[in-house]
Amino acid sequence: MLSNKRVIILFVIAFLLVFILCNFFYLQIIKFDKFNDRAINKVVRTLPIKAPRGLIKDRNNKNIVLNSKVYDIQIVPYDVKENFNYSLLNKYVRYDTSKIKDKIRKYKNSFSYKFTPISLKNKLTQDTIFIIEEQREEFPGLVIREVFSREYDYNSNIHLAHVLGETVIDRKTYHNPIFDDINIKPIDKGSGVEKYYNNILKGADGKEYRLFDVAGMDRGNYLGKVYQNEQPVSGEDLKITIDIDLQNFINNSLNDLVGTVVCMLPES
């Protein structure tokens, strides 16, 4: 009887050892890449990649509404150092220096807000950003964000505004500026093709994986094998039946007159 108990105990111990070894093999060999990328000294986070909005074309395929890349700049109070060159930045971007300094000082002394980005200026041109980038060491704590806005050719924002509708840049700011959500969207109470065909024009966002250390600092793109970036799908272009050249001709012909012009073929 005693020997039978011994056999059972040895069998249980052997089974547990085999189970542990199998799990060890599974974690260390089969799932090595996955758990290696989740090591304690780094974290992989998913960030959205915004999809370019679809273009709007006239009946002759002329682009009348396009996407234009502009830039927002922000300041993260915690990262601002004493050598931040406010006067130099003020040469390129006009802002109230004393007001920004006071706000940074206030945020730095607050546990809740010291990492919260302060918006400095929106919709800057690429030329201005190039100049700032060349002297980036002068502005510790400055964050530059790429933003898409709508650009209108052939004065379509004037002569065709009632048809196109209006879009705005919708900004949502988070504790860490890298997670800021910035989108082009039709105004809530607007009308026109921008809103009516929004599901076609807006496209589908992609995503990328970024590597962060334990301090929450961005360490660049994740280059492991477990996660794969997904590229955004651009919105579909929209072709309308209006001839933009004819529309401009009619608007210019009316000048300051108030009225309506109807174009038709009488024989049809």
Protein backbone atom coordinates (compact mmCIF):
# COMPACT_ATOMS: atom_id res chain seq x y z
CA MET A 1 0.00 0.00 0.00
CA LEU A 2 2.80 2.34 0.93
CA SER A 3 4.64 1.68 -2.32
CA ASN A 4 1.45 2.50 -4.30
CA LYS A 5 1.22 5.89 -2.56
CA ARG A 6 4.87 6.50 -3.37
CA VAL A 7 4.23 5.74 -7.06
CA ILE A 8 1.26 8.10 -7.13
CA ILE A 9 3.23 10.90 -5.46
CA LEU A 10 6.17 10.43 -7.81
CA PHE A 11 3.79 10.39 -10.77
CA VAL A 12 2.18 13.67 -9.64
CA ILE A 13 5.57 15.29 -9.11
CA ALA A 14 6.77 14.11 -12.53
CA PHE A 15 3.58 15.40 -14.15
CA LEU A 16 3.98 18.82 -12.52
CA LEU A 17 7.63 19.00 -13.59
CA VAL A 18 6.70 18.15 -17.19
CA PHE A 19 3.88 20.72 -17.09
CA ILE A 20 6.25 23.42 -15.80
CA LEU A 21 8.91 22.55 -18.38
CA CYS A 22 6.33 22.64 -21.19
CA ASN A 23 5.10 26.05 -20.07
CA PHE A 24 8.65 27.26 -19.73
CA PHE A 25 9.38 26.08 -23.29
CA TYR A 26 6.17 27.75 -24.56
CA LEU A 27 6.96 31.10 -22.92
CA GLN A 28 10.71 31.19 -23.58
CA ILE A 29 10.87 29.67 -27.06
CA ILE A 30 7.53 29.76 -28.87
CA LYS A 31 6.33 33.12 -27.48
CA PHE A 32 9.77 34.66 -27.04
CA ASP A 33 9.22 37.59 -29.45
CA LYS A 34 5.92 38.58 -27.89
CA PHE A 35 7.07 38.60 -24.28
CA ASN A 36 10.45 40.03 -25.12
CA ASP A 37 8.65 43.06 -26.57
CA ARG A 38 6.65 43.38 -23.36
CA ALA A 39 9.69 43.48 -21.12
CA ILE A 40 9.39 45.59 -18.00
CA ASN A 41 11.67 48.35 -19.29
CA LYS A 42 9.48 49.27 -22.29
CA VAL A 43 5.86 49.56 -23.35
CA VAL A 44 4.33 49.39 -26.82
CA ARG A 45 1.48 51.84 -27.37
CA THR A 46 -0.91 52.19 -30.29
CA LEU A 47 -1.24 55.64 -31.87
CA PRO A 48 -3.67 56.61 -34.64
CA ILE A 49 -2.51 57.73 -38.10
CA LYS A 50 -5.02 60.16 -39.53
CA ALA A 51 -6.39 59.41 -42.98
CA PRO A 52 -6.26 62.24 -45.56
CA ARG A 53 -9.73 63.48 -46.42
CA GLY A 54 -10.97 62.83 -49.95
CA LEU A 55 -10.71 65.58 -52.57
CA ILE A 56 -13.70 67.30 -54.16
CA LYS A 57 -13.61 67.73 -57.94
CA ASP A 58 -15.86 69.49 -60.46
CA ARG A 59 -17.47 67.83 -63.48
CA ASN A 60 -14.22 68.31 -65.48
CA ASN A 61 -12.10 66.62 -62.76
CA LYS A 62 -10.56 69.90 -61.61
CA ASN A 63 -9.59 69.76 -57.93
CA ILE A 64 -11.53 72.42 -56.11
CA VAL A 65 -11.06 71.22 -52.50
CA LEU A 66 -7.73 69.69 -51.44
CA ASN A 67 -5.85 68.90 -48.25
CA SER A 68 -3.22 71.29 -46.99
CA LYS A 69 -0.68 70.42 -44.31
CA VAL A 70 -0.29 73.02 -41.57
CA TYR A 71 1.28 72.84 -38.11
CA ASP A 72 0.32 73.47 -34.49
CA ILE A 73 2.93 74.19 -31.84
CA GLN A 74 2.55 73.44 -28.13
CA ILE A 75 4.71 73.71 -25.03
CA VAL A 76 4.93 70.97 -22.38
CA PRO A 77 5.62 72.88 -19.11
CA TYR A 78 7.56 70.05 -17.45
CA ASP A 79 10.13 69.97 -20.27
CA VAL A 80 10.65 73.76 -20.50
CA LYS A 81 14.09 74.74 -19.20
CA GLU A 82 15.56 78.06 -18.09
CA ASN A 83 17.34 78.45 -21.44
CA PHE A 84 14.09 78.49 -23.45
CA ASN A 85 14.55 81.38 -25.89
CA TYR A 86 11.18 83.14 -25.74
CA SER A 87 12.35 86.26 -27.56
CA LEU A 88 13.75 84.27 -30.51
CA LEU A 89 10.54 82.24 -30.88
CA ASN A 90 8.56 85.48 -30.74
CA LYS A 91 10.31 86.61 -33.92
CA TYR A 92 8.74 83.75 -35.84
CA VAL A 93 5.47 83.34 -33.92
CA ARG A 94 3.78 86.33 -32.34
CA TYR A 95 2.42 85.61 -28.86
CA ASP A 96 2.16 87.19 -25.42
CA THR A 97 5.48 86.15 -23.83
CA SER A 98 4.66 87.22 -20.27
CA LYS A 99 1.28 85.44 -20.36
CA ILE A 100 2.88 82.18 -21.59
CA LYS A 101 5.67 82.41 -18.98
CA ASP A 102 3.13 82.84 -16.19
CA LYS A 103 1.09 79.91 -17.46
CA ILE A 104 4.17 77.65 -17.69
CA ARG A 105 5.24 78.63 -14.18
CA LYS A 106 1.76 77.89 -12.84
CA TYR A 107 1.56 74.53 -14.62
CA LYS A 108 5.05 73.48 -13.53
CA ASN A 109 4.04 73.88 -9.88
CA SER A 110 0.92 71.77 -10.36
CA PHE A 111 1.12 67.99 -10.16
CA SER A 112 -1.95 67.66 -12.40
CA TYR A 113 -0.94 70.07 -15.16
CA LYS A 114 2.84 69.99 -15.46
CA PHE A 115 2.65 67.52 -18.36
CA THR A 116 -0.40 69.14 -19.97
CA PRO A 117 0.56 70.83 -23.27
CA ILE A 118 -0.14 74.54 -23.70
CA SER A 119 -1.26 75.54 -27.19
CA LEU A 120 0.93 78.35 -28.48
CA LYS A 121 -0.09 78.84 -32.13
CA ASN A 122 -2.17 76.95 -34.69
CA LYS A 123 -2.07 76.56 -38.47
CA LEU A 124 1.53 77.63 -39.06
CA THR A 125 3.12 77.24 -42.50
CA GLN A 126 5.89 74.80 -43.34
CA ASP A 127 8.35 77.65 -43.96
CA THR A 128 7.92 78.91 -40.40
CA ILE A 129 8.30 75.39 -38.99
CA PHE A 130 11.52 74.82 -40.96
CA ILE A 131 13.06 77.91 -39.35
CA ILE A 132 11.99 76.80 -35.87
CA GLU A 133 13.24 73.23 -36.46
CA GLU A 134 16.70 74.52 -37.42
CA GLN A 135 17.00 76.09 -33.95
CA ARG A 136 15.11 73.44 -31.99
CA GLU A 137 17.73 73.32 -29.21
CA GLU A 138 16.66 76.88 -28.30
CA PHE A 139 13.15 75.70 -27.44
CA PRO A 140 13.20 72.72 -25.02
CA GLY A 141 9.66 71.49 -24.40
CA LEU A 142 8.30 72.66 -27.75
CA VAL A 143 6.05 70.14 -29.54
CA ILE A 144 5.25 70.46 -33.26
CA ARG A 145 2.14 68.73 -34.58
CA GLU A 146 1.21 68.08 -38.24
CA VAL A 147 -2.38 68.99 -39.02
CA PHE A 148 -4.47 68.69 -42.19
CA SER A 149 -6.76 71.53 -43.22
CA ARG A 150 -8.88 72.18 -46.31
CA GLU A 151 -7.48 74.24 -49.21
CA TYR A 152 -9.79 75.76 -51.82
CA ASP A 153 -8.80 76.35 -55.45
CA TYR A 154 -10.65 78.57 -57.93
CA ASN A 155 -12.10 80.64 -55.05
CA SER A 156 -14.45 77.73 -54.37
CA ASN A 157 -14.72 78.69 -50.69
CA ILE A 158 -16.34 81.93 -51.88
CA HIS A 159 -18.17 81.10 -55.11
CA LEU A 160 -19.24 77.60 -54.06
CA ALA A 161 -19.42 77.80 -50.28
CA HIS A 162 -23.17 77.15 -50.18
CA VAL A 163 -22.66 73.85 -52.04
CA LEU A 164 -19.47 72.61 -50.41
CA GLY A 165 -20.28 73.31 -46.79
CA GLU A 166 -17.73 74.12 -44.09
CA THR A 167 -15.16 72.05 -42.23
CA VAL A 168 -13.28 72.81 -39.03
CA ILE A 169 -10.17 71.41 -37.36
CA ASP A 170 -11.39 69.53 -34.29
CA ARG A 171 -8.73 69.37 -31.58
CA LYS A 172 -8.74 67.14 -28.50
CA THR A 173 -5.73 67.63 -26.21
CA TYR A 174 -4.53 64.97 -23.78
CA HIS A 175 -2.08 64.82 -20.88
CA ASN A 176 0.61 63.51 -23.24
CA PRO A 177 0.62 65.60 -26.45
CA ILE A 178 1.58 62.62 -28.60
CA PHE A 179 -1.96 61.30 -28.07
CA ASP A 180 -3.65 64.53 -29.23
CA ASP A 181 -6.53 63.83 -31.62
CA ILE A 182 -6.74 66.34 -34.47
CA ASN A 183 -9.29 65.82 -37.25
CA ILE A 184 -10.95 67.69 -40.08
CA LYS A 185 -14.71 67.38 -39.75
CA PRO A 186 -17.81 69.17 -41.05
CA ILE A 187 -19.31 71.70 -38.63
CA ASP A 188 -22.04 70.17 -36.49
CA LYS A 189 -24.90 72.29 -37.77
CA GLY A 190 -23.58 72.73 -41.28
CA SER A 191 -24.78 71.43 -44.60
CA GLY A 192 -23.35 70.84 -48.07
CA VAL A 193 -21.46 67.95 -49.59
CA GLU A 194 -18.74 67.95 -46.89
CA LYS A 195 -21.32 66.89 -44.31
CA TYR A 196 -23.69 64.88 -46.52
CA TYR A 197 -20.88 62.72 -47.95
CA ASN A 198 -18.70 62.74 -44.83
CA ASN A 199 -18.65 58.92 -44.54
CA ILE A 200 -17.14 58.73 -48.05
CA LEU A 201 -14.72 61.64 -47.70
CA LYS A 202 -13.27 60.92 -44.24
CA GLY A 203 -11.51 57.61 -45.01
CA ALA A 204 -10.27 55.17 -42.35
CA ASP A 205 -7.50 55.93 -39.87
CA GLY A 206 -4.50 53.63 -39.56
CA LYS A 207 -2.35 52.96 -36.53
CA GLU A 208 1.30 52.79 -35.63
CA TYR A 209 3.11 51.28 -32.67
CA ARG A 210 5.47 53.46 -30.68
CA LEU A 211 7.96 52.42 -28.02
CA PHE A 212 7.84 54.10 -24.60
CA ASP A 213 10.18 53.61 -21.66
CA VAL A 214 9.12 53.26 -18.00
CA ALA A 215 9.20 57.04 -17.61
CA GLY A 216 6.60 57.40 -20.36
CA MET A 217 9.03 58.97 -22.86
CA ASP A 218 8.58 58.25 -26.56
CA ARG A 219 11.54 56.21 -27.85
CA GLY A 220 10.52 56.02 -31.50
CA ASN A 221 8.88 53.45 -33.75
CA TYR A 222 8.45 49.89 -32.53
CA LEU A 223 10.57 47.58 -34.72
CA GLY A 224 9.61 44.19 -33.30
CA LYS A 225 7.80 41.35 -35.06
CA VAL A 226 4.66 40.99 -32.95
CA TYR A 227 2.80 44.16 -33.98
CA GLN A 228 2.45 45.55 -37.49
CA ASN A 229 1.58 49.13 -38.39
CA GLU A 230 -1.61 49.67 -40.35
CA GLN A 231 -1.55 52.35 -43.02
CA PRO A 232 -4.53 54.72 -43.22
CA VAL A 233 -6.98 54.47 -46.11
CA SER A 234 -7.50 57.86 -47.74
CA GLY A 235 -11.05 59.11 -48.15
CA GLU A 236 -12.66 58.67 -51.54
CA ASP A 237 -12.66 61.63 -53.92
CA LEU A 238 -16.02 63.17 -54.67
CA LYS A 239 -16.97 64.42 -58.16
CA ILE A 240 -19.82 66.92 -58.39
CA THR A 241 -21.72 68.06 -61.49
CA ILE A 242 -20.86 71.76 -61.20
CA ASP A 243 -18.44 73.38 -63.66
CA ILE A 244 -16.19 75.55 -61.49
CA ASP A 245 -15.13 77.80 -64.39
CA LEU A 246 -18.77 78.50 -65.26
CA GLN A 247 -19.56 79.07 -61.59
CA ASN A 248 -16.77 81.66 -61.31
CA PHE A 249 -17.85 83.35 -64.54
CA ILE A 250 -21.40 83.73 -63.24
CA ASN A 251 -20.26 85.06 -59.87
CA ASN A 252 -17.92 87.56 -61.52
CA SER A 253 -20.66 88.65 -63.93
CA LEU A 254 -23.07 89.41 -61.12
CA ASN A 255 -20.52 91.54 -59.25
CA ASP A 256 -22.48 93.25 -56.46
CA LEU A 257 -25.88 92.43 -57.87
CA VAL A 258 -28.21 90.21 -55.87
CA GLY A 259 -29.89 87.57 -57.99
CA THR A 260 -29.98 84.03 -59.32
CA VAL A 261 -28.70 82.69 -62.64
CA VAL A 262 -30.21 79.58 -64.20
CA CYS A 263 -28.32 77.76 -66.95
CA MET A 264 -30.22 75.35 -69.18
CA LEU A 265 -30.66 74.09 -72.73
CA PRO A 266 -34.11 75.24 -73.87
CA GLU A 267 -34.36 72.53 -76.53
CA SER A 268 -34.10 69.80 -73.89
